[in-house]
Protein backbone atom coordinates (compact mmCIF):
# COMPACT_ATOMS: atom_id res chain seq x y z
CA UNK A 1 -31.94 31.52 0.34
CA UNK A 2 -30.33 31.79 -3.10
CA UNK A 3 -26.75 30.63 -3.36
CA UNK A 4 -24.95 32.64 -6.02
CA UNK A 5 -21.91 31.34 -7.91
CA UNK A 6 -18.61 33.03 -7.13
CA UNK A 7 -16.33 33.42 -10.16
CA UNK A 8 -12.60 33.54 -9.54
CA UNK A 9 -10.32 35.21 -12.04
CA UNK A 10 -7.32 32.90 -11.64
CA UNK A 11 -7.08 29.11 -11.91
CA UNK A 12 -10.34 27.71 -10.58
CA UNK A 13 -10.20 25.99 -7.18
CA UNK A 14 -12.02 22.70 -6.73
CA UNK A 15 -14.41 24.40 -4.26
CA UNK A 16 -15.05 27.85 -2.83
CA UNK A 17 -17.49 29.02 -0.18
CA UNK A 18 -17.97 32.60 1.01
CA UNK A 19 -20.40 33.81 3.70
CA UNK A 20 -20.69 37.54 4.38
CA UNK A 21 -22.45 38.68 7.53
CA UNK A 22 -23.27 41.49 9.91
CA UNK A 23 -24.34 41.47 13.55
CA UNK A 24 -27.88 40.35 12.66
CA UNK A 25 -27.03 37.45 10.38
CA UNK A 26 -25.82 36.41 6.95
CA UNK A 27 -25.95 39.01 4.19
CA UNK A 28 -24.64 36.98 1.24
CA UNK A 29 -23.67 33.38 0.48
CA UNK A 30 -21.69 32.21 -2.55
CA UNK A 31 -20.49 28.75 -3.49
CA UNK A 32 -18.82 27.01 -6.41
CA UNK A 33 -17.39 23.60 -7.16
CA UNK A 34 -17.53 20.22 -5.47
CA UNK A 35 -16.80 18.99 -1.97
CA UNK A 36 -15.59 15.62 -3.27
CA UNK A 37 -14.49 14.99 -6.85
CA UNK A 38 -14.78 11.22 -6.53
CA UNK A 39 -18.49 11.35 -5.70
CA UNK A 40 -19.21 14.59 -7.56
CA UNK A 41 -20.94 15.97 -4.45
CA UNK A 42 -21.57 19.70 -4.83
CA UNK A 43 -20.23 22.01 -2.15
CA UNK A 44 -22.65 23.74 0.23
CA UNK A 45 -22.11 26.44 2.88
CA UNK A 46 -22.88 23.84 5.58
CA UNK A 47 -20.14 21.37 4.65
CA UNK A 48 -17.31 21.06 7.22
CA UNK A 49 -13.73 21.63 6.11
CA UNK A 50 -10.38 21.64 7.92
CA UNK A 51 -10.00 25.41 8.26
CA UNK A 52 -6.29 25.25 9.20
CA UNK A 53 -4.99 28.10 11.36
CA UNK A 54 -8.36 29.82 11.74
CA UNK A 55 -8.65 27.09 14.40
CA UNK A 56 -6.24 29.07 16.57
CA UNK A 57 -8.70 31.94 16.98
CA UNK A 58 -11.42 29.49 18.07
CA UNK A 59 -9.03 28.01 20.63
CA UNK A 60 -8.41 31.53 21.94
CA UNK A 61 -12.16 31.96 22.49
CA UNK A 62 -12.14 28.82 24.65
CA UNK A 63 -9.07 30.00 26.56
CA UNK A 64 -10.82 33.29 27.34
CA UNK A 65 -13.82 31.38 28.69
CA UNK A 66 -11.52 29.53 31.09
CA UNK A 67 -9.85 32.81 32.06
CA UNK A 68 -13.27 34.27 32.87
CA UNK A 69 -13.95 31.20 35.03
CA UNK A 70 -10.59 31.80 36.81
CA UNK A 71 -9.38 28.38 35.79
CA UNK A 72 -6.59 29.88 33.68
CA UNK A 73 -4.46 33.01 33.99
CA UNK A 74 -2.97 34.57 30.85
CA UNK A 75 0.14 35.68 32.72
CA UNK A 76 0.88 32.69 34.97
CA UNK A 77 3.80 30.37 34.33
CA UNK A 78 2.20 27.46 32.43
CA UNK A 79 4.65 25.06 34.08
CA UNK A 80 2.36 25.11 37.13
CA UNK A 81 -0.46 23.62 35.07
CA UNK A 82 1.62 21.28 32.94
CA UNK A 83 3.22 19.60 35.93
CA UNK A 84 6.67 19.91 34.39
CA UNK A 85 9.00 22.84 33.81
CA UNK A 86 8.60 24.50 30.39
CA UNK A 87 11.58 26.73 29.72
CA UNK A 88 13.54 28.05 26.78
CA UNK A 89 16.89 26.22 27.10
CA UNK A 90 18.81 29.40 26.33
CA UNK A 91 16.80 31.61 28.71
CA UNK A 92 15.70 29.36 31.57
CA UNK A 93 14.81 32.25 33.88
CA UNK A 94 12.00 33.50 31.57
CA UNK A 95 8.57 32.01 32.44
CA UNK A 96 6.36 30.95 29.52
CA UNK A 97 2.76 32.18 29.79
CA UNK A 98 -0.45 31.69 27.84
CA UNK A 99 -0.25 35.29 26.68
CA UNK A 100 3.15 34.57 25.11
CA UNK A 101 2.04 31.25 23.63
CA UNK A 102 -1.15 32.67 22.10
CA UNK A 103 0.73 35.59 20.57
CA UNK A 104 3.68 33.56 19.19
CA UNK A 105 6.18 35.39 21.40
CA UNK A 106 7.11 32.40 23.57
CA UNK A 107 10.34 31.54 21.78
CA UNK A 108 8.80 28.37 20.32
CA UNK A 109 9.36 27.77 16.62
CA UNK A 110 8.54 24.96 14.21
CA UNK A 111 12.02 23.48 14.18
CA UNK A 112 10.55 20.14 15.27
CA UNK A 113 7.44 18.37 14.00
CA UNK A 114 4.30 19.59 15.78
CA UNK A 115 2.17 16.74 14.35
CA UNK A 116 2.89 14.21 17.08
CA UNK A 117 1.97 10.51 17.31
CA UNK A 118 -0.64 9.52 19.84
CA UNK A 119 1.90 8.12 22.29
CA UNK A 120 4.28 11.12 22.15
CA UNK A 121 5.05 13.05 25.33
CA UNK A 122 5.33 16.78 24.86
CA UNK A 123 7.92 17.39 27.55
CA UNK A 124 10.29 15.15 25.57
CA UNK A 125 9.60 16.98 22.31
CA UNK A 126 10.15 20.38 23.94
CA UNK A 127 13.45 19.29 25.46
CA UNK A 128 14.89 19.44 21.93
CA UNK A 129 16.69 22.79 21.43
CA UNK A 130 15.47 22.82 17.81
CA UNK A 131 11.97 23.56 19.14
CA UNK A 132 13.17 26.99 20.28
CA UNK A 133 14.34 30.24 18.69
CA UNK A 134 17.96 30.26 19.81
CA UNK A 135 18.46 34.01 19.37
CA UNK A 136 15.58 35.70 21.17
CA UNK A 137 14.31 35.46 24.75
CA UNK A 138 10.59 34.80 25.33
CA UNK A 139 8.53 37.98 25.11
CA UNK A 140 10.93 39.86 22.83
CA UNK A 141 10.29 38.52 19.33
CA UNK A 142 7.32 37.39 17.22
CA UNK A 143 7.81 34.17 15.30
CA UNK A 144 4.76 32.24 14.17
CA UNK A 145 5.00 28.70 15.52
CA UNK A 146 2.28 26.05 15.37
CA UNK A 147 3.77 24.15 18.31
CA UNK A 148 2.56 26.89 20.67
CA UNK A 149 -0.98 25.54 20.36
CA UNK A 150 -0.44 21.92 21.41
CA UNK A 151 1.14 23.42 24.54
CA UNK A 152 -1.95 25.61 25.04
CA UNK A 153 -4.19 22.56 24.57
CA UNK A 154 -2.17 20.63 27.17
CA UNK A 155 -2.58 23.50 29.65
CA UNK A 156 -6.34 23.52 29.00
CA UNK A 157 -6.55 19.77 29.57
CA UNK A 158 -4.61 19.97 32.82
CA UNK A 159 -6.78 22.83 34.07
CA UNK A 160 -10.03 20.96 33.42
CA UNK A 161 -9.21 17.25 33.26
CA UNK A 162 -11.08 17.09 29.93
CA UNK A 163 -9.89 15.87 26.54
CA UNK A 164 -9.21 18.83 24.27
CA UNK A 165 -11.75 18.00 21.54
CA UNK A 166 -14.51 17.45 24.10
CA UNK A 167 -13.51 20.58 25.99
CA UNK A 168 -13.74 22.69 22.81
CA UNK A 169 -17.17 21.19 22.17
CA UNK A 170 -18.35 22.09 25.68
CA UNK A 171 -16.88 25.58 25.80
CA UNK A 172 -17.53 26.85 22.26
CA UNK A 173 -19.11 24.56 19.70
CA UNK A 174 -22.12 23.15 21.56
CA UNK A 175 -23.26 26.45 23.17
CA UNK A 176 -23.32 28.05 19.71
CA UNK A 177 -24.99 24.98 18.15
CA UNK A 178 -22.11 24.58 15.71
CA UNK A 179 -21.88 21.26 13.88
CA UNK A 180 -18.09 21.08 14.15
CA UNK A 181 -15.23 19.19 15.81
CA UNK A 182 -11.46 18.87 16.05
CA UNK A 183 -9.85 16.04 14.02
CA UNK A 184 -13.28 14.41 13.40
CA UNK A 185 -13.06 12.75 16.82
CA UNK A 186 -16.27 14.23 18.22
CA UNK A 187 -18.26 14.90 15.03
CA UNK A 188 -21.28 12.74 14.24
CA UNK A 189 -21.20 10.22 11.36
CA UNK A 190 -23.65 12.44 9.46
CA UNK A 191 -21.29 15.39 9.74
CA UNK A 192 -18.29 13.32 8.70
CA UNK A 193 -20.24 12.19 5.63
CA UNK A 194 -20.33 15.84 4.46
CA UNK A 195 -16.57 16.36 4.81
CA UNK A 196 -14.91 18.60 2.26
CA UNK A 197 -11.94 16.88 0.63
CA UNK A 198 -8.89 19.15 0.37
CA UNK A 199 -6.89 18.99 -2.86
CA UNK A 200 -3.55 20.23 -4.09
CA UNK A 201 -2.73 20.13 -7.81
CA UNK A 202 -5.80 17.97 -8.34
CA UNK A 203 -4.87 15.29 -5.81
CA UNK A 204 -6.58 14.79 -2.44
CA UNK A 205 -4.36 15.76 0.50
CA UNK A 206 -6.77 15.69 3.44
CA UNK A 207 -10.15 14.28 4.44
CA UNK A 208 -10.88 11.80 1.68
CA UNK A 209 -13.69 9.39 2.59
CA UNK A 210 -11.21 6.68 3.63
CA UNK A 211 -9.25 9.07 5.85
CA UNK A 212 -12.37 10.42 7.55
CA UNK A 213 -13.51 6.87 8.29
CA UNK A 214 -10.12 5.95 9.78
CA UNK A 215 -8.22 7.03 12.87
CA UNK A 216 -9.13 10.59 13.93
CA UNK A 217 -5.65 11.32 15.33
CA UNK A 218 -2.05 10.62 14.33
CA UNK A 219 -1.53 6.98 15.23
CA UNK A 220 0.90 5.89 17.92
CA UNK A 221 4.32 4.79 16.73
CA UNK A 222 3.23 1.16 16.92
CA UNK A 223 0.11 1.86 14.82
CA UNK A 224 -2.44 2.01 17.64
CA UNK A 225 -5.41 4.37 17.53
CA UNK A 226 -6.65 3.57 21.03
CA UNK A 227 -7.72 6.82 22.72
CA UNK A 228 -8.51 5.07 26.01
CA UNK A 229 -4.97 5.74 27.21
CA UNK A 230 -5.42 9.52 26.96
CA UNK A 231 -3.98 11.46 29.89
CA UNK A 232 -4.67 15.14 30.45
CA UNK A 233 -1.84 17.30 29.17
CA UNK A 234 0.49 14.48 28.14
CA UNK A 235 0.15 15.22 24.41
CA UNK A 236 -1.74 18.38 23.49
CA UNK A 237 -1.13 17.78 19.77
CA UNK A 238 -3.50 14.80 19.40
CA UNK A 239 -6.50 16.84 18.23
CA UNK A 240 -4.57 19.42 16.18
CA UNK A 241 -5.44 22.60 18.09
CA UNK A 242 -3.20 24.53 15.69
CA UNK A 243 -5.32 23.73 12.63
CA UNK A 244 -7.62 20.72 13.01
CA UNK A 245 -11.03 22.34 13.42
CA UNK A 246 -13.59 20.96 10.96
CA UNK A 247 -16.32 23.54 10.54
CA UNK A 248 -18.42 25.03 7.76
CA UNK A 249 -18.08 28.55 6.42
CA UNK A 250 -21.53 29.19 7.86
CA UNK A 251 -20.27 28.04 11.27
CA UNK A 252 -17.27 30.37 11.00
CA UNK A 253 -19.65 33.20 10.20
CA UNK A 254 -21.50 32.51 13.47
CA UNK A 255 -18.20 32.86 15.33
CA UNK A 256 -17.55 36.11 13.47
CA UNK A 257 -20.94 37.44 14.55
CA UNK A 258 -20.07 36.43 18.13
CA UNK A 259 -17.02 38.69 17.96
CA UNK A 260 -18.96 41.52 16.29
CA UNK A 261 -21.55 41.14 19.06
CA UNK A 262 -18.91 41.62 21.77
CA UNK A 263 -19.38 38.07 23.00
CA UNK A 264 -23.07 37.51 22.23
CA UNK A 265 -24.66 35.90 19.17
CA UNK A 266 -28.24 34.76 18.56
CA UNK A 267 -29.11 35.41 22.19
CA UNK A 268 -26.19 33.37 23.58
CA UNK A 269 -23.63 35.16 25.76
CA UNK A 270 -20.37 33.20 25.40
CA UNK A 271 -17.75 35.82 26.29
CA UNK A 272 -17.75 39.04 28.23
CA UNK A 273 -17.18 42.31 26.32
CA UNK A 274 -13.92 42.63 28.24
CA UNK A 275 -12.66 39.31 26.86
CA UNK A 276 -13.54 40.32 23.31
CA UNK A 277 -11.76 43.63 23.89
CA UNK A 278 -8.64 41.69 24.89
CA UNK A 279 -8.88 39.64 21.71
CA UNK A 280 -9.25 42.85 19.70
CA UNK A 281 -5.99 44.32 21.05
CA UNK A 282 -2.66 43.85 19.20
CA UNK A 283 0.15 42.65 21.45
CA UNK A 284 2.88 42.90 18.82
CA UNK A 285 3.43 45.33 15.98
CA UNK A 286 6.34 44.95 13.62
CA UNK A 287 8.98 47.64 13.79
CA UNK A 288 11.15 45.92 11.20
CA UNK A 289 13.40 44.14 13.71
CA UNK A 290 11.22 42.66 16.49
CA UNK A 291 9.69 39.74 14.62
CA UNK A 292 9.44 37.56 11.53
CA UNK A 293 6.65 39.00 9.37
CA UNK A 294 6.66 36.13 6.84
CA UNK A 295 7.36 38.62 4.04
CA UNK A 296 4.82 41.14 5.33
CA UNK A 297 1.97 38.69 5.94
CA UNK A 298 2.05 39.34 9.72
CA UNK A 299 2.57 42.92 10.88
CA UNK A 300 0.31 42.95 13.97
CA UNK A 301 -0.78 40.07 16.15
CA UNK A 302 -2.61 39.51 19.44
CA UNK A 303 -4.15 36.59 21.32
CA UNK A 304 -4.36 34.26 18.29
CA UNK A 305 -5.62 37.21 16.26
CA UNK A 306 -4.17 38.76 13.11
CA UNK A 307 -4.80 42.47 12.45
CA UNK A 308 -5.10 43.68 8.87
CA UNK A 309 -4.09 46.84 7.07
CA UNK A 310 -1.28 47.89 9.38
CA UNK A 311 -0.30 51.56 8.89
CA UNK A 312 3.08 51.24 7.23
CA UNK A 313 6.19 52.97 8.46
CA UNK A 314 8.18 52.78 6.22
CA UNK A 315 5.79 52.19 3.32
CA UNK A 316 5.85 48.78 1.65
CA UNK A 317 6.96 46.70 4.64
CA UNK A 318 3.51 45.16 5.28
CA UNK A 319 1.40 43.19 2.83
CA UNK A 320 -1.55 42.57 5.11
CA UNK A 321 -4.51 44.13 3.29
CA UNK A 322 -6.25 41.42 1.21
CA UNK A 323 -9.37 43.61 1.03
CA UNK A 324 -7.37 46.37 -0.64
CA UNK A 325 -9.15 49.23 1.11
CA UNK A 326 -6.89 50.06 4.06
CA UNK A 327 -9.66 49.39 6.61
CA UNK A 328 -8.77 47.91 9.98
CA UNK A 329 -10.02 44.34 10.40
CA UNK A 330 -9.16 41.42 12.63
CA UNK A 331 -9.51 37.65 12.57
CA UNK A 332 -7.30 34.89 11.22
CA UNK A 333 -6.20 33.25 7.99
CA UNK A 334 -5.59 29.57 7.34
CA UNK A 335 -3.37 27.77 4.85
CA UNK A 336 -2.52 24.05 4.65
CA UNK A 337 -2.63 21.11 2.24
CA UNK A 338 -3.81 23.30 -0.65
CA UNK A 339 -6.58 25.06 1.29
CA UNK A 340 -6.87 28.78 2.02
CA UNK A 341 -9.38 30.09 4.54
CA UNK A 342 -10.21 33.24 6.44
CA UNK A 343 -12.48 34.79 9.06
CA UNK A 344 -12.34 38.59 9.21
CA UNK A 345 -14.48 41.20 10.93
CA UNK A 346 -14.68 44.96 10.49
CA UNK A 347 -15.96 46.17 13.89
CA UNK A 348 -16.37 49.76 12.75
CA UNK A 349 -18.66 48.75 9.89
CA UNK A 350 -20.26 45.87 11.81
CA UNK A 351 -19.57 43.43 8.98
CA UNK A 352 -17.45 40.38 8.29
CA UNK A 353 -16.70 37.49 5.95
CA UNK A 354 -15.82 33.80 6.29
CA UNK A 355 -14.47 31.84 3.35
CA UNK A 356 -12.39 28.93 2.13
CA UNK A 357 -11.12 27.49 -1.13
CA UNK A 358 -9.58 24.09 -1.91
CA UNK A 359 -6.83 23.33 -4.43
CA UNK A 360 -5.24 26.75 -4.27
CA UNK A 361 -1.67 26.98 -5.63
CA UNK A 362 1.04 27.62 -3.05
CA UNK A 363 2.11 31.25 -2.97
CA UNK A 364 3.48 33.59 -0.31
CA UNK A 365 1.16 36.04 1.43
CA UNK A 366 -2.46 36.59 0.49
CA UNK A 367 -2.87 35.17 -3.00
CA UNK A 368 -5.30 36.10 -5.77
CA UNK A 369 -7.93 33.57 -4.69
CA UNK A 370 -8.02 34.88 -1.12
CA UNK A 371 -8.21 38.47 -2.29
CA UNK A 372 -11.13 37.61 -4.56
CA UNK A 373 -12.92 35.80 -1.74
CA UNK A 374 -12.26 38.67 0.69
CA UNK A 375 -13.46 41.34 -1.71
CA UNK A 376 -15.92 39.18 -3.69
CA UNK A 377 -18.98 41.02 -4.93
CA UNK A 378 -21.96 38.76 -4.33
CA UNK A 379 -25.71 39.05 -4.56
CA UNK A 380 -27.41 39.73 -1.22
CA UNK A 381 -29.43 37.05 0.50
CA UNK A 382 -33.15 37.72 -0.06
């Protein structure tokens, strides 16, 4: 395979990787830059990076597996699984469900810190009214909130009795032979040695060699990193389900081909076509008053899925077409610590792309680097 350089028009990121694919396999791979400036190690399409909120879509795949096994129900009150009552303090009669949590319509917002220390207890965090949208009842308003996903992880742990990172490995990563993990906790030393350092304005912000070798979770308030005290569902934030997946662009492309294949990739059936159809269905569409679009970045959303190129009524409200061609696509974007990432599929064309870039300037919406990676013309793989 020939890896072709990808030239970006704007300020050059420290590293970029782009993998285009169809249902059969990869169609083009492009890379540029270094995974670690300190060592000078060149980036490769197999190097794992913290893909930020693309992690949410991968969590949704695992949730759908548990739904198929009848261990979870998208529309059941999650309080039954958590073992404590989860309610919006302003609307206590409205049950909170996985469908609402996955689609950011639960009433949760990011008014409190969702990066919780190891010894935190989620029921205490969620008792704070600042964790909730005070104006809108659950099910009536879209507001993107990372804290939804630690709650989802806690529900998954309570349903299975398994630690979230190990559960994700069993349900998704291992069956697809993906060399990936959440928060480095279950990755091998060899995989951690290939970690991509994330930079912002030239300075490392995440996954330097020292950080990767240290505690894989946010330490307890007393400094402990002892995971032996883990209890199912007590703290679903420990392994960063909202953004902590470490995976390569090539691994993301495999997940994209799984979705293009209606639940099957490389001979492995992971999801039923019905589950993929549920993922491919928007649950919320902006009408201008029923949600926070983040300045047009979100105009349609489903079960941890963003839908691109929303038909605009009135024109100009949505800015959700990084490919610039008006074609319907779905997947998820990621942005954190100076990284931008994306996994997008075009089911009608049977194609998709996975990408990331490090040291990307902060900017609202899809920025120039993402648009170049989404649209990037690259040489085909021989």
